[in-house]
Amino acid sequence: GMRKPDPQIFHYALAELGGIPPEHAVFLDDFQGNVDAAIAVGMHGILVGIDRPAAIDLLDELLAAHA
C-alpha cells in the first residue's frame, strides 16, 4: 500500500477530495520528511512541532493570504 512520504499518497488524497490542485491544499504533519514530500508535490506544508499553536497560526496566515 501507499504510505507517506510516497508522493502517490498525496496525489491519491487530492483526487479523493475531488481533484483539488496541490497548490490549493495544506498538509500538516509532525515529521519534516512528510512535510517535505507534500511540498515536493506542490502542496503547502506546515510542520507541527511542540508548539502546536504556532502551526495553527501559520495555517491561519496561509488561509488568510489565499482567501
PDB file of N, CA and C in Angstrom:
ATOM      1  N   GLY A   1       0.806  -1.200   0.000  1.00  0.00           N
ATOM      2  CA  GLY A   1       0.000   0.000   0.000  1.00  0.00           C
ATOM      3  C   GLY A   1       0.847   1.260   0.000  1.00  0.00           C
ATOM      4  N   MET A   2       0.164   2.378  -0.187  1.00  0.00           N
ATOM      5  CA  MET A   2       0.836   3.669  -0.195  1.00  0.00           C
ATOM      6  C   MET A   2       0.950   4.212   1.217  1.00  0.00           C
ATOM      7  N   ARG A   3       2.103   4.819   1.484  1.00  0.00           N
ATOM      8  CA  ARG A   3       2.306   5.457   2.780  1.00  0.00           C
ATOM      9  C   ARG A   3       3.095   6.738   2.589  1.00  0.00           C
ATOM     10  N   LYS A   4       2.907   7.671   3.498  1.00  0.00           N
ATOM     11  CA  LYS A   4       3.757   8.854   3.500  1.00  0.00           C
ATOM     12  C   LYS A   4       5.194   8.370   3.713  1.00  0.00           C
ATOM     13  N   PRO A   5       6.193   8.961   3.087  1.00  0.00           N
ATOM     14  CA  PRO A   5       6.133  10.147   2.212  1.00  0.00           C
ATOM     15  C   PRO A   5       6.052   9.837   0.719  1.00  0.00           C
ATOM     16  N   ASP A   6       5.548   8.695   0.340  1.00  0.00           N
ATOM     17  CA  ASP A   6       5.379   8.352  -1.079  1.00  0.00           C
ATOM     18  C   ASP A   6       4.504   9.415  -1.747  1.00  0.00           C
ATOM     19  N   PRO A   7       5.005  10.063  -2.812  1.00  0.00           N
ATOM     20  CA  PRO A   7       4.206  11.105  -3.467  1.00  0.00           C
ATOM     21  C   PRO A   7       2.825  10.619  -3.909  1.00  0.00           C
ATOM     22  N   GLN A   8       2.700   9.345  -4.242  1.00  0.00           N
ATOM     23  CA  GLN A   8       1.405   8.829  -4.708  1.00  0.00           C
ATOM     24  C   GLN A   8       0.303   9.014  -3.673  1.00  0.00           C
ATOM     25  N   ILE A   9       0.635   8.946  -2.382  1.00  0.00           N
ATOM     26  CA  ILE A   9      -0.404   9.076  -1.356  1.00  0.00           C
ATOM     27  C   ILE A   9      -1.010  10.479  -1.362  1.00  0.00           C
ATOM     28  N   PHE A  10      -0.172  11.468  -1.648  1.00  0.00           N
ATOM     29  CA  PHE A  10      -0.667  12.845  -1.696  1.00  0.00           C
ATOM     30  C   PHE A  10      -1.549  13.048  -2.927  1.00  0.00           C
ATOM     31  N   HIS A  11      -1.119  12.516  -4.072  1.00  0.00           N
ATOM     32  CA  HIS A  11      -1.937  12.619  -5.281  1.00  0.00           C
ATOM     33  C   HIS A  11      -3.266  11.876  -5.090  1.00  0.00           C
ATOM     34  N   TYR A  12      -3.224  10.725  -4.448  1.00  0.00           N
ATOM     35  CA  TYR A  12      -4.438   9.949  -4.173  1.00  0.00           C
ATOM     36  C   TYR A  12      -5.398  10.749  -3.283  1.00  0.00           C
ATOM     37  N   ALA A  13      -4.857  11.342  -2.229  1.00  0.00           N
ATOM     38  CA  ALA A  13      -5.705  12.106  -1.310  1.00  0.00           C
ATOM     39  C   ALA A  13      -6.348  13.284  -2.023  1.00  0.00           C
ATOM     40  N   LEU A  14      -5.584  13.986  -2.845  1.00  0.00           N
ATOM     41  CA  LEU A  14      -6.130  15.125  -3.583  1.00  0.00           C
ATOM     42  C   LEU A  14      -7.234  14.675  -4.535  1.00  0.00           C
ATOM     43  N   ALA A  15      -7.032  13.536  -5.188  1.00  0.00           N
ATOM     44  CA  ALA A  15      -8.045  13.008  -6.093  1.00  0.00           C
ATOM     45  C   ALA A  15      -9.303  12.622  -5.327  1.00  0.00           C
ATOM     46  N   GLU A  16      -9.118  11.986  -4.172  1.00  0.00           N
ATOM     47  CA  GLU A  16     -10.264  11.568  -3.351  1.00  0.00           C
ATOM     48  C   GLU A  16     -11.059  12.765  -2.829  1.00  0.00           C
ATOM     49  N   LEU A  17     -10.390  13.902  -2.689  1.00  0.00           N
ATOM     50  CA  LEU A  17     -11.054  15.122  -2.219  1.00  0.00           C
ATOM     51  C   LEU A  17     -11.691  15.903  -3.359  1.00  0.00           C
ATOM     52  N   GLY A  18     -11.806  15.273  -4.520  1.00  0.00           N
ATOM     53  CA  GLY A  18     -12.498  15.896  -5.637  1.00  0.00           C
ATOM     54  C   GLY A  18     -11.571  16.500  -6.672  1.00  0.00           C
ATOM     55  N   GLY A  19     -10.309  16.117  -6.647  1.00  0.00           N
ATOM     56  CA  GLY A  19      -9.375  16.635  -7.638  1.00  0.00           C
ATOM     57  C   GLY A  19      -8.843  18.012  -7.306  1.00  0.00           C
ATOM     58  N   ILE A  20      -8.644  18.255  -6.028  1.00  0.00           N
ATOM     59  CA  ILE A  20      -8.105  19.547  -5.596  1.00  0.00           C
ATOM     60  C   ILE A  20      -6.680  19.708  -6.137  1.00  0.00           C
ATOM     61  N   PRO A  21      -6.350  20.867  -6.748  1.00  0.00           N
ATOM     62  CA  PRO A  21      -4.969  21.092  -7.168  1.00  0.00           C
ATOM     63  C   PRO A  21      -4.060  21.149  -5.942  1.00  0.00           C
ATOM     64  N   PRO A  22      -2.848  20.621  -6.040  1.00  0.00           N
ATOM     65  CA  PRO A  22      -1.976  20.583  -4.863  1.00  0.00           C
ATOM     66  C   PRO A  22      -1.714  21.956  -4.252  1.00  0.00           C
ATOM     67  N   GLU A  23      -1.646  22.988  -5.104  1.00  0.00           N
ATOM     68  CA  GLU A  23      -1.368  24.327  -4.566  1.00  0.00           C
ATOM     69  C   GLU A  23      -2.529  24.881  -3.752  1.00  0.00           C
ATOM     70  N   HIS A  24      -3.685  24.213  -3.798  1.00  0.00           N
ATOM     71  CA  HIS A  24      -4.846  24.623  -3.005  1.00  0.00           C
ATOM     72  C   HIS A  24      -4.997  23.775  -1.742  1.00  0.00           C
ATOM     73  N   ALA A  25      -3.998  22.957  -1.449  1.00  0.00           N
ATOM     74  CA  ALA A  25      -4.080  22.069  -0.291  1.00  0.00           C
ATOM     75  C   ALA A  25      -2.962  22.377   0.700  1.00  0.00           C
ATOM     76  N   VAL A  26      -3.274  22.192   1.967  1.00  0.00           N
ATOM     77  CA  VAL A  26      -2.282  22.367   3.024  1.00  0.00           C
ATOM     78  C   VAL A  26      -2.144  21.041   3.767  1.00  0.00           C
ATOM     79  N   PHE A  27      -0.905  20.626   3.976  1.00  0.00           N
ATOM     80  CA  PHE A  27      -0.604  19.380   4.681  1.00  0.00           C
ATOM     81  C   PHE A  27       0.134  19.713   5.960  1.00  0.00           C
ATOM     82  N   LEU A  28      -0.372  19.206   7.080  1.00  0.00           N
ATOM     83  CA  LEU A  28       0.290  19.391   8.371  1.00  0.00           C
ATOM     84  C   LEU A  28       0.721  18.033   8.898  1.00  0.00           C
ATOM     85  N   ASP A  29       1.933  17.967   9.446  1.00  0.00           N
ATOM     86  CA  ASP A  29       2.456  16.713   9.979  1.00  0.00           C
ATOM     87  C   ASP A  29       3.522  17.053  11.013  1.00  0.00           C
ATOM     88  N   ASP A  30       3.804  16.086  11.880  1.00  0.00           N
ATOM     89  CA  ASP A  30       4.834  16.298  12.898  1.00  0.00           C
ATOM     90  C   ASP A  30       6.188  15.726  12.479  1.00  0.00           C
ATOM     91  N   PHE A  31       6.292  15.266  11.218  1.00  0.00           N
ATOM     92  CA  PHE A  31       7.544  14.715  10.703  1.00  0.00           C
ATOM     93  C   PHE A  31       7.977  15.520   9.483  1.00  0.00           C
ATOM     94  N   GLN A  32       9.165  16.121   9.554  1.00  0.00           N
ATOM     95  CA  GLN A  32       9.624  17.008   8.486  1.00  0.00           C
ATOM     96  C   GLN A  32       9.678  16.302   7.136  1.00  0.00           C
ATOM     97  N   GLY A  33      10.062  15.022   7.119  1.00  0.00           N
ATOM     98  CA  GLY A  33      10.142  14.295   5.857  1.00  0.00           C
ATOM     99  C   GLY A  33       8.812  14.218   5.139  1.00  0.00           C
ATOM    100  N   ASN A  34       7.727  14.056   5.887  1.00  0.00           N
ATOM    101  CA  ASN A  34       6.398  14.020   5.274  1.00  0.00           C
ATOM    102  C   ASN A  34       5.983  15.397   4.768  1.00  0.00           C
ATOM    103  N   VAL A  35       6.313  16.440   5.533  1.00  0.00           N
ATOM    104  CA  VAL A  35       6.015  17.806   5.106  1.00  0.00           C
ATOM    105  C   VAL A  35       6.784  18.121   3.825  1.00  0.00           C
ATOM    106  N   ASP A  36       8.068  17.738   3.788  1.00  0.00           N
ATOM    107  CA  ASP A  36       8.887  17.982   2.599  1.00  0.00           C
ATOM    108  C   ASP A  36       8.309  17.258   1.383  1.00  0.00           C
ATOM    109  N   ALA A  37       7.803  16.053   1.580  1.00  0.00           N
ATOM    110  CA  ALA A  37       7.216  15.287   0.483  1.00  0.00           C
ATOM    111  C   ALA A  37       5.964  15.969  -0.055  1.00  0.00           C
ATOM    112  N   ALA A  38       5.146  16.511   0.833  1.00  0.00           N
ATOM    113  CA  ALA A  38       3.946  17.230   0.403  1.00  0.00           C
ATOM    114  C   ALA A  38       4.329  18.472  -0.394  1.00  0.00           C
ATOM    115  N   ILE A  39       5.337  19.193   0.079  1.00  0.00           N
ATOM    116  CA  ILE A  39       5.808  20.390  -0.620  1.00  0.00           C
ATOM    117  C   ILE A  39       6.341  20.010  -2.003  1.00  0.00           C
ATOM    118  N   ALA A  40       7.015  18.876  -2.085  1.00  0.00           N
ATOM    119  CA  ALA A  40       7.601  18.429  -3.352  1.00  0.00           C
ATOM    120  C   ALA A  40       6.544  18.157  -4.421  1.00  0.00           C
ATOM    121  N   VAL A  41       5.320  17.790  -4.014  1.00  0.00           N
ATOM    122  CA  VAL A  41       4.256  17.570  -5.000  1.00  0.00           C
ATOM    123  C   VAL A  41       3.431  18.840  -5.237  1.00  0.00           C
ATOM    124  N   GLY A  42       3.815  19.946  -4.614  1.00  0.00           N
ATOM    125  CA  GLY A  42       3.173  21.229  -4.871  1.00  0.00           C
ATOM    126  C   GLY A  42       2.214  21.717  -3.808  1.00  0.00           C
ATOM    127  N   MET A  43       2.065  20.950  -2.722  1.00  0.00           N
ATOM    128  CA  MET A  43       1.176  21.364  -1.646  1.00  0.00           C
ATOM    129  C   MET A  43       1.892  22.348  -0.722  1.00  0.00           C
ATOM    130  N   HIS A  44       1.109  23.055   0.071  1.00  0.00           N
ATOM    131  CA  HIS A  44       1.678  23.830   1.157  1.00  0.00           C
ATOM    132  C   HIS A  44       1.923  22.867   2.308  1.00  0.00           C
ATOM    133  N   GLY A  45       3.024  23.037   3.014  1.00  0.00           N
ATOM    134  CA  GLY A  45       3.345  22.143   4.117  1.00  0.00           C
ATOM    135  C   GLY A  45       3.670  22.905   5.380  1.00  0.00           C
ATOM    136  N   ILE A  46       3.144  22.427   6.489  1.00  0.00           N
ATOM    137  CA  ILE A  46       3.403  23.041   7.793  1.00  0.00           C
ATOM    138  C   ILE A  46       3.833  21.954   8.760  1.00  0.00           C
ATOM    139  N   LEU A  47       4.991  22.147   9.362  1.00  0.00           N
ATOM    140  CA  LEU A  47       5.476  21.218  10.374  1.00  0.00           C
ATOM    141  C   LEU A  47       4.821  21.546  11.712  1.00  0.00           C
ATOM    142  N   VAL A  48       4.233  20.539  12.336  1.00  0.00           N
ATOM    143  CA  VAL A  48       3.619  20.701  13.656  1.00  0.00           C
ATOM    144  C   VAL A  48       4.626  20.204  14.683  1.00  0.00           C
ATOM    145  N   GLY A  49       5.205  21.140  15.415  1.00  0.00           N
ATOM    146  CA  GLY A  49       6.189  20.786  16.425  1.00  0.00           C
ATOM    147  C   GLY A  49       5.578  20.802  17.811  1.00  0.00           C
ATOM    148  N   ILE A  50       6.425  20.971  18.793  1.00  0.00           N
ATOM    149  CA  ILE A  50       5.966  21.005  20.182  1.00  0.00           C
ATOM    150  C   ILE A  50       5.006  22.170  20.406  1.00  0.00           C
ATOM    151  N   ASP A  51       5.283  23.295  19.723  1.00  0.00           N
ATOM    152  CA  ASP A  51       4.432  24.486  19.839  1.00  0.00           C
ATOM    153  C   ASP A  51       3.310  24.393  18.797  1.00  0.00           C
ATOM    154  N   ARG A  52       2.302  23.602  19.130  1.00  0.00           N
ATOM    155  CA  ARG A  52       1.206  23.393  18.171  1.00  0.00           C
ATOM    156  C   ARG A  52       0.452  24.671  17.824  1.00  0.00           C
ATOM    157  N   PRO A  53       0.225  25.589  18.783  1.00  0.00           N
ATOM    158  CA  PRO A  53      -0.447  26.838  18.397  1.00  0.00           C
ATOM    159  C   PRO A  53       0.306  27.610  17.315  1.00  0.00           C
ATOM    160  N   ALA A  54       1.626  27.498  17.272  1.00  0.00           N
ATOM    161  CA  ALA A  54       2.401  28.178  16.225  1.00  0.00           C
ATOM    162  C   ALA A  54       2.055  27.618  14.855  1.00  0.00           C
ATOM    163  N   ALA A  55       1.850  26.308  14.766  1.00  0.00           N
ATOM    164  CA  ALA A  55       1.467  25.692  13.499  1.00  0.00           C
ATOM    165  C   ALA A  55       0.090  26.166  13.065  1.00  0.00           C
ATOM    166  N   ILE A  56      -0.828  26.288  14.013  1.00  0.00           N
ATOM    167  CA  ILE A  56      -2.171  26.770  13.685  1.00  0.00           C
ATOM    168  C   ILE A  56      -2.117  28.224  13.245  1.00  0.00           C
ATOM    169  N   ASP A  57      -1.233  29.016  13.863  1.00  0.00           N
ATOM    170  CA  ASP A  57      -1.062  30.413  13.437  1.00  0.00           C
ATOM    171  C   ASP A  57      -0.580  30.473  11.990  1.00  0.00           C
ATOM    172  N   LEU A  58       0.387  29.604  11.642  1.00  0.00           N
ATOM    173  CA  LEU A  58       0.865  29.554  10.259  1.00  0.00           C
ATOM    174  C   LEU A  58      -0.259  29.170   9.303  1.00  0.00           C
ATOM    175  N   LEU A  59      -1.080  28.208   9.716  1.00  0.00           N
ATOM    176  CA  LEU A  59      -2.218  27.792   8.895  1.00  0.00           C
ATOM    177  C   LEU A  59      -3.184  28.952   8.702  1.00  0.00           C
ATOM    178  N   ASP A  60      -3.492  29.654   9.782  1.00  0.00           N
ATOM    179  CA  ASP A  60      -4.403  30.799   9.692  1.00  0.00           C
ATOM    180  C   ASP A  60      -3.857  31.858   8.738  1.00  0.00           C
ATOM    181  N   GLU A  61      -2.534  32.131   8.822  1.00  0.00           N
ATOM    182  CA  GLU A  61      -1.914  33.125   7.942  1.00  0.00           C
ATOM    183  C   GLU A  61      -2.014  32.673   6.487  1.00  0.00           C
ATOM    184  N   LEU A  62      -1.756  31.416   6.244  1.00  0.00           N
ATOM    185  CA  LEU A  62      -1.808  30.875   4.879  1.00  0.00           C
ATOM    186  C   LEU A  62      -3.214  30.978   4.308  1.00  0.00           C
ATOM    187  N   LEU A  63      -4.195  30.608   5.114  1.00  0.00           N
ATOM    188  CA  LEU A  63      -5.583  30.666   4.656  1.00  0.00           C
ATOM    189  C   LEU A  63      -6.019  32.087   4.407  1.00  0.00           C
ATOM    190  N   ALA A  64      -5.609  33.023   5.266  1.00  0.00           N
ATOM    191  CA  ALA A  64      -5.971  34.431   5.097  1.00  0.00           C
ATOM    192  C   ALA A  64      -5.351  34.997   3.826  1.00  0.00           C
ATOM    193  N   ALA A  65      -4.110  34.593   3.531  1.00  0.00           N
ATOM    194  CA  ALA A  65      -3.407  35.091   2.358  1.00  0.00           C
ATOM    195  C   ALA A  65      -4.013  34.584   1.057  1.00  0.00           C
ATOM    196  N   HIS A  66      -4.722  33.451   1.128  1.00  0.00           N
ATOM    197  CA  HIS A  66      -5.291  32.850  -0.078  1.00  0.00           C
ATOM    198  C   HIS A  66      -6.818  32.915  -0.101  1.00  0.00           C
ATOM    199  N   ALA A  67      -7.377  33.737   0.772  1.00  0.00           N
ATOM    200  CA  ALA A  67      -8.850  33.835   0.847  1.00  0.00           C
ATOM    201  C   ALA A  67      -9.395  34.607  -0.341  1.00  0.00           C
TER     202      ALA A  67
END
